[in-house]
Amino acid sequence: MTALRQFRAAPNLLTLLRLFVLPFLVITILYRHWGLAFALLWVAGVSDGLDGVLARALQQRTTLGQYLDPIADKLLLSTLFVVLTHVGVIPRFVTVLVLSRDVGILLIATLLFATGALRSFPPSKLGKLNTLVQILGVLTVMTSEVLPRRGLEDLRSTLLWTIAVLAPVSAAEYAWIVIHRIGGPDAMSGVRGD
């Protein structure tokens, strides 16, 4: 499939929609238009779910989509952590831990890929759990801004503390797996942080 046709594949168009929504989501959060921001977050979330379903149903799995989808997901989540911290609804230390983990994993994966030490970086179960808790945390933070409830505030606090613990733990697990794989016989199969 040519590069242009890959861009026009329905799943990739949905991923591009997610990237298109991102600056408007940031703007609405900065101006504290929580209802609109919440709606845009749902548009991004639904497009993320649909792109995978469409890729399978229409048999439109593309090389572009394999790279574009996780990049869009990570960009959306990281940007939300930064902007929600900027407006004071996520503590700074949580965002520092999240971004430090992501930047560290990205640097290590890039170096290992560039040197040929590891070529494949599938996410670990703990990495997937970390991402799931981050998504739930951001969703809960946004929901509690739209519908302030005591139960949501407690859930928000619990999720943010869980994120603060999971981020460095999953980074340490990733480092351990990489060290193990580089020294082992399957060094070319590798792992990727999520």
Protein backbone atom coordinates (compact mmCIF):
# COMPACT_ATOMS: atom_id res chain seq x y z
CA MET A 1 0.00 0.00 0.00
CA THR A 2 1.46 3.39 -0.99
CA ALA A 3 2.11 6.07 1.62
CA LEU A 4 -0.79 8.19 0.34
CA ARG A 5 -3.21 5.25 0.46
CA GLN A 6 -2.03 4.47 3.99
CA PHE A 7 -2.92 8.02 5.06
CA ARG A 8 -6.37 7.62 3.51
CA ALA A 9 -7.10 4.32 5.27
CA ALA A 10 -10.06 4.82 7.63
CA PRO A 11 -8.20 3.78 10.82
CA ASN A 12 -5.37 6.22 10.06
CA LEU A 13 -7.85 9.02 9.35
CA LEU A 14 -9.33 8.43 12.81
CA THR A 15 -5.85 8.58 14.33
CA LEU A 16 -5.23 11.86 12.50
CA LEU A 17 -8.58 13.13 13.86
CA ARG A 18 -7.27 12.40 17.35
CA LEU A 19 -4.17 14.48 16.62
CA PHE A 20 -6.34 17.25 15.14
CA VAL A 21 -8.54 17.37 18.27
CA LEU A 22 -5.55 17.65 20.62
CA PRO A 23 -4.80 21.41 20.34
CA PHE A 24 -8.50 22.24 20.80
CA LEU A 25 -8.61 19.98 23.83
CA VAL A 26 -5.60 21.80 25.29
CA ILE A 27 -7.18 25.22 24.62
CA THR A 28 -10.48 24.26 26.25
CA ILE A 29 -8.65 22.99 29.34
CA LEU A 30 -6.48 26.12 29.56
CA TYR A 31 -9.64 28.26 29.50
CA ARG A 32 -11.34 25.83 31.89
CA HIS A 33 -14.23 25.03 29.57
CA TRP A 34 -14.48 21.64 31.22
CA GLY A 35 -17.69 20.50 29.53
CA LEU A 36 -16.30 21.06 26.03
CA ALA A 37 -12.92 19.62 27.03
CA PHE A 38 -14.66 16.53 28.36
CA ALA A 39 -16.58 16.14 25.08
CA LEU A 40 -13.38 16.48 23.04
CA LEU A 41 -11.68 13.91 25.26
CA TRP A 42 -14.49 11.48 24.47
CA VAL A 43 -14.13 12.19 20.74
CA ALA A 44 -10.43 11.34 21.03
CA GLY A 45 -11.17 8.22 23.09
CA VAL A 46 -13.86 6.92 20.75
CA SER A 47 -11.63 7.52 17.71
CA ASP A 48 -8.88 5.54 19.45
CA GLY A 49 -11.20 2.60 20.03
CA LEU A 50 -12.68 2.71 16.55
CA ASP A 51 -9.39 2.84 14.67
CA GLY A 52 -8.41 -0.61 15.90
CA VAL A 53 -11.86 -2.06 15.20
CA LEU A 54 -11.86 -0.61 11.67
CA ALA A 55 -8.31 -1.78 10.97
CA ARG A 56 -9.40 -5.35 11.68
CA ALA A 57 -12.85 -5.18 10.11
CA LEU A 58 -11.71 -3.47 6.89
CA GLN A 59 -8.36 -5.29 6.83
CA GLN A 60 -6.60 -1.94 6.70
CA ARG A 61 -3.67 -2.58 9.01
CA THR A 62 -0.84 -0.42 7.71
CA THR A 63 2.78 0.22 8.58
CA LEU A 64 1.88 3.88 9.06
CA GLY A 65 -0.87 2.93 11.50
CA GLN A 66 1.47 0.71 13.52
CA TYR A 67 3.62 3.76 14.24
CA LEU A 68 1.05 6.58 14.10
CA ASP A 69 -1.49 5.10 16.55
CA PRO A 70 0.85 4.63 19.55
CA ILE A 71 2.50 7.99 18.83
CA ALA A 72 -0.92 9.70 18.83
CA ASP A 73 -1.91 7.89 22.03
CA LYS A 74 1.30 8.83 23.86
CA LEU A 75 1.19 12.42 22.59
CA LEU A 76 -2.42 12.80 23.74
CA LEU A 77 -1.79 11.33 27.19
CA SER A 78 1.49 13.19 27.80
CA THR A 79 0.02 16.49 26.65
CA LEU A 80 -2.99 16.01 28.92
CA PHE A 81 -0.74 15.39 31.92
CA VAL A 82 1.22 18.57 31.18
CA VAL A 83 -1.80 20.82 30.60
CA LEU A 84 -3.78 19.40 33.54
CA THR A 85 -0.75 20.01 35.75
CA HIS A 86 -0.45 23.55 34.37
CA VAL A 87 -4.04 24.35 35.41
CA GLY A 88 -3.45 22.77 38.82
CA VAL A 89 -5.64 19.66 38.76
CA ILE A 90 -2.82 17.09 38.62
CA PRO A 91 0.11 17.43 41.06
CA ARG A 92 3.45 18.29 39.48
CA PHE A 93 5.26 15.29 40.95
CA VAL A 94 2.86 12.88 39.20
CA THR A 95 3.50 14.45 35.80
CA VAL A 96 7.27 14.57 36.39
CA LEU A 97 7.26 10.82 37.16
CA VAL A 98 5.09 10.02 34.13
CA LEU A 99 7.12 12.10 31.69
CA SER A 100 10.46 10.96 33.11
CA ARG A 101 9.44 7.35 32.56
CA ASP A 102 8.26 7.99 29.01
CA VAL A 103 11.32 10.02 28.00
CA GLY A 104 13.66 7.44 29.56
CA ILE A 105 11.98 4.55 27.77
CA LEU A 106 11.93 6.46 24.48
CA LEU A 107 15.65 7.26 24.73
CA ILE A 108 16.62 3.70 25.63
CA ALA A 109 14.40 2.20 22.90
CA THR A 110 15.82 4.62 20.31
CA LEU A 111 19.41 3.81 21.28
CA LEU A 112 18.80 0.07 21.29
CA PHE A 113 17.01 0.20 17.95
CA ALA A 114 19.70 2.43 16.38
CA THR A 115 22.51 0.16 17.57
CA GLY A 116 20.69 -2.99 16.52
CA ALA A 117 20.74 -4.41 20.05
CA LEU A 118 16.95 -4.80 20.06
CA ARG A 119 14.50 -4.42 17.19
CA SER A 120 11.09 -5.10 18.71
CA PHE A 121 9.67 -3.36 21.78
CA PRO A 122 6.27 -4.84 22.69
CA PRO A 123 4.80 -3.41 25.91
CA SER A 124 4.94 -5.46 29.10
CA LYS A 125 1.84 -6.29 31.14
CA LEU A 126 2.93 -3.78 33.78
CA GLY A 127 3.47 -1.17 31.04
CA LYS A 128 -0.07 -1.80 29.78
CA LEU A 129 -1.44 -1.53 33.32
CA ASN A 130 0.47 1.72 33.78
CA THR A 131 -1.09 3.16 30.61
CA LEU A 132 -4.58 1.96 31.60
CA VAL A 133 -4.30 3.60 35.03
CA GLN A 134 -3.03 6.83 33.42
CA ILE A 135 -6.03 6.87 31.06
CA LEU A 136 -8.44 6.22 33.94
CA GLY A 137 -6.68 8.89 36.00
CA VAL A 138 -6.98 11.56 33.30
CA LEU A 139 -10.59 10.59 32.62
CA THR A 140 -11.42 10.76 36.34
CA VAL A 141 -9.68 14.14 36.71
CA MET A 142 -11.67 15.53 33.77
CA THR A 143 -14.93 13.97 34.99
CA SER A 144 -14.48 15.41 38.49
CA GLU A 145 -14.03 18.88 36.97
CA VAL A 146 -17.33 18.50 35.10
CA LEU A 147 -19.25 16.69 37.87
CA PRO A 148 -17.61 17.43 41.24
CA ARG A 149 -18.52 14.59 43.60
CA ARG A 150 -16.86 13.38 46.79
CA GLY A 151 -16.52 9.82 45.46
CA LEU A 152 -14.83 11.07 42.30
CA GLU A 153 -12.38 13.16 44.32
CA ASP A 154 -11.39 10.08 46.35
CA LEU A 155 -11.04 7.99 43.18
CA ARG A 156 -8.99 10.75 41.54
CA SER A 157 -6.60 10.89 44.49
CA THR A 158 -6.22 7.10 44.56
CA LEU A 159 -5.57 6.90 40.81
CA LEU A 160 -3.01 9.72 40.86
CA TRP A 161 -1.08 8.09 43.69
CA THR A 162 -1.25 4.76 41.85
CA ILE A 163 0.15 6.45 38.73
CA ALA A 164 2.96 7.98 40.82
CA VAL A 165 3.91 4.48 42.03
CA LEU A 166 3.40 2.59 38.76
CA ALA A 167 5.42 4.99 36.57
CA PRO A 168 8.83 4.38 38.22
CA VAL A 169 8.06 0.70 38.94
CA SER A 170 7.17 0.01 35.30
CA ALA A 171 10.26 1.97 34.17
CA ALA A 172 12.42 -0.21 36.44
CA GLU A 173 10.74 -3.34 35.05
CA TYR A 174 11.41 -2.15 31.51
CA ALA A 175 15.10 -1.53 32.34
CA TRP A 176 15.40 -4.98 33.92
CA ILE A 177 13.80 -6.68 30.87
CA VAL A 178 16.07 -4.77 28.47
CA ILE A 179 19.19 -5.71 30.44
CA HIS A 180 18.03 -9.33 30.55
CA ARG A 181 17.21 -9.45 26.83
CA ILE A 182 20.44 -7.81 25.71
CA GLY A 183 22.41 -10.45 27.57
CA GLY A 184 20.13 -13.33 26.54
CA PRO A 185 19.89 -15.40 23.34
CA ASP A 186 16.73 -13.62 22.17
CA ALA A 187 18.34 -10.14 22.13
CA MET A 188 16.91 -9.39 18.72
CA SER A 189 13.29 -9.92 19.86
CA GLY A 190 13.40 -7.22 22.57
CA VAL A 191 10.76 -5.26 24.41
CA ARG A 192 9.18 -1.86 24.12
CA GLY A 193 7.83 0.31 26.88
CA ASP A 194 4.28 1.40 26.43
